[in-house]
Amino acid sequence: MGTVFVGGGVILVIFLAVRSIYKDKKSGKACSGQCGGCKGCH
């Protein structure tokens, strides 16, 4: 039973991280490797 809760927690953390990255890319905050198009890359 504990394994189910731990697995659910891991899945939730991964989901939140992916959602955060997606929102950053959508709003133009993330650098996608093309540093000519963004400010403050590398």
N, C-alpha and C. Protein backbone atom coordinates (compact mmCIF):
# COMPACT_ATOMS: atom_id res chain seq x y z
N MET A 1 0.82 -1.20 0.00
CA MET A 1 0.00 0.00 0.00
C MET A 1 0.86 1.26 0.00
N GLY A 2 1.96 1.24 0.73
CA GLY A 2 2.87 2.38 0.76
C GLY A 2 3.50 2.65 -0.59
N THR A 3 3.72 1.59 -1.35
CA THR A 3 4.32 1.73 -2.68
C THR A 3 3.39 2.54 -3.60
N VAL A 4 2.10 2.36 -3.45
CA VAL A 4 1.13 3.09 -4.26
C VAL A 4 1.24 4.59 -3.98
N PHE A 5 1.35 4.94 -2.69
CA PHE A 5 1.45 6.36 -2.33
C PHE A 5 2.77 6.97 -2.80
N VAL A 6 3.85 6.24 -2.66
CA VAL A 6 5.16 6.73 -3.11
C VAL A 6 5.15 6.88 -4.63
N GLY A 7 4.64 5.91 -5.33
CA GLY A 7 4.55 5.99 -6.79
C GLY A 7 3.68 7.14 -7.24
N GLY A 8 2.57 7.36 -6.58
CA GLY A 8 1.69 8.48 -6.90
C GLY A 8 2.38 9.81 -6.66
N GLY A 9 3.16 9.89 -5.58
CA GLY A 9 3.90 11.11 -5.29
C GLY A 9 4.95 11.40 -6.35
N VAL A 10 5.64 10.36 -6.79
CA VAL A 10 6.67 10.52 -7.83
C VAL A 10 6.02 10.98 -9.13
N ILE A 11 4.92 10.38 -9.49
CA ILE A 11 4.22 10.76 -10.71
C ILE A 11 3.73 12.20 -10.62
N LEU A 12 3.25 12.61 -9.45
CA LEU A 12 2.79 13.98 -9.27
C LEU A 12 3.94 14.98 -9.42
N VAL A 13 5.09 14.68 -8.85
CA VAL A 13 6.26 15.57 -8.96
C VAL A 13 6.70 15.69 -10.41
N ILE A 14 6.75 14.57 -11.12
CA ILE A 14 7.14 14.59 -12.54
C ILE A 14 6.14 15.40 -13.35
N PHE A 15 4.86 15.22 -13.08
CA PHE A 15 3.82 15.96 -13.79
C PHE A 15 3.98 17.46 -13.57
N LEU A 16 4.21 17.88 -12.33
CA LEU A 16 4.35 19.30 -12.03
C LEU A 16 5.60 19.88 -12.69
N ALA A 17 6.69 19.12 -12.73
CA ALA A 17 7.91 19.60 -13.38
C ALA A 17 7.70 19.77 -14.88
N VAL A 18 7.08 18.81 -15.52
CA VAL A 18 6.83 18.88 -16.96
C VAL A 18 5.88 20.04 -17.27
N ARG A 19 4.88 20.23 -16.43
CA ARG A 19 3.94 21.33 -16.64
C ARG A 19 4.64 22.68 -16.52
N SER A 20 5.53 22.80 -15.56
CA SER A 20 6.28 24.04 -15.38
C SER A 20 7.17 24.33 -16.59
N ILE A 21 7.86 23.32 -17.08
CA ILE A 21 8.71 23.48 -18.26
C ILE A 21 7.87 23.87 -19.47
N TYR A 22 6.72 23.23 -19.64
CA TYR A 22 5.84 23.54 -20.76
C TYR A 22 5.35 24.98 -20.70
N LYS A 23 4.95 25.43 -19.50
CA LYS A 23 4.48 26.81 -19.35
C LYS A 23 5.59 27.80 -19.66
N ASP A 24 6.82 27.51 -19.21
CA ASP A 24 7.95 28.40 -19.49
C ASP A 24 8.22 28.49 -20.99
N LYS A 25 8.20 27.37 -21.67
CA LYS A 25 8.44 27.38 -23.12
C LYS A 25 7.33 28.12 -23.85
N LYS A 26 6.11 27.93 -23.41
CA LYS A 26 4.97 28.57 -24.07
C LYS A 26 5.03 30.09 -23.90
N SER A 27 5.50 30.55 -22.74
CA SER A 27 5.56 31.99 -22.49
C SER A 27 6.87 32.61 -22.97
N GLY A 28 7.77 31.79 -23.49
CA GLY A 28 9.01 32.30 -24.05
C GLY A 28 10.12 32.51 -23.04
N LYS A 29 9.98 31.97 -21.83
CA LYS A 29 11.00 32.15 -20.80
C LYS A 29 12.15 31.16 -20.94
N ALA A 30 11.91 30.02 -21.52
CA ALA A 30 12.92 28.98 -21.59
C ALA A 30 13.74 29.10 -22.87
N CYS A 31 15.00 28.78 -22.79
CA CYS A 31 15.87 28.78 -23.96
C CYS A 31 15.83 27.39 -24.58
N SER A 32 15.56 27.33 -25.85
CA SER A 32 15.44 26.03 -26.51
C SER A 32 16.71 25.66 -27.26
N GLY A 33 17.81 26.32 -26.95
CA GLY A 33 19.07 26.02 -27.63
C GLY A 33 19.38 26.98 -28.76
N GLN A 34 18.42 27.79 -29.15
CA GLN A 34 18.64 28.79 -30.20
C GLN A 34 18.83 30.13 -29.52
N CYS A 35 20.07 30.41 -29.15
CA CYS A 35 20.34 31.55 -28.29
C CYS A 35 20.25 32.90 -29.01
N GLY A 36 20.09 32.89 -30.31
CA GLY A 36 19.89 34.14 -31.03
C GLY A 36 18.52 34.73 -30.76
N GLY A 37 17.58 33.87 -30.35
CA GLY A 37 16.21 34.33 -30.17
C GLY A 37 15.83 34.68 -28.75
N CYS A 38 16.71 34.41 -27.80
CA CYS A 38 16.37 34.74 -26.42
C CYS A 38 17.46 35.58 -25.78
N LYS A 39 17.13 36.24 -24.70
CA LYS A 39 18.09 37.08 -24.01
C LYS A 39 18.59 36.33 -22.76
N GLY A 40 19.87 36.34 -22.54
CA GLY A 40 20.42 35.75 -21.32
C GLY A 40 20.78 34.28 -21.42
N CYS A 41 20.92 33.78 -22.63
CA CYS A 41 21.34 32.39 -22.78
C CYS A 41 22.84 32.27 -22.59
N HIS A 42 23.28 31.23 -22.01
CA HIS A 42 24.69 30.86 -21.84
C HIS A 42 25.60 32.05 -21.88
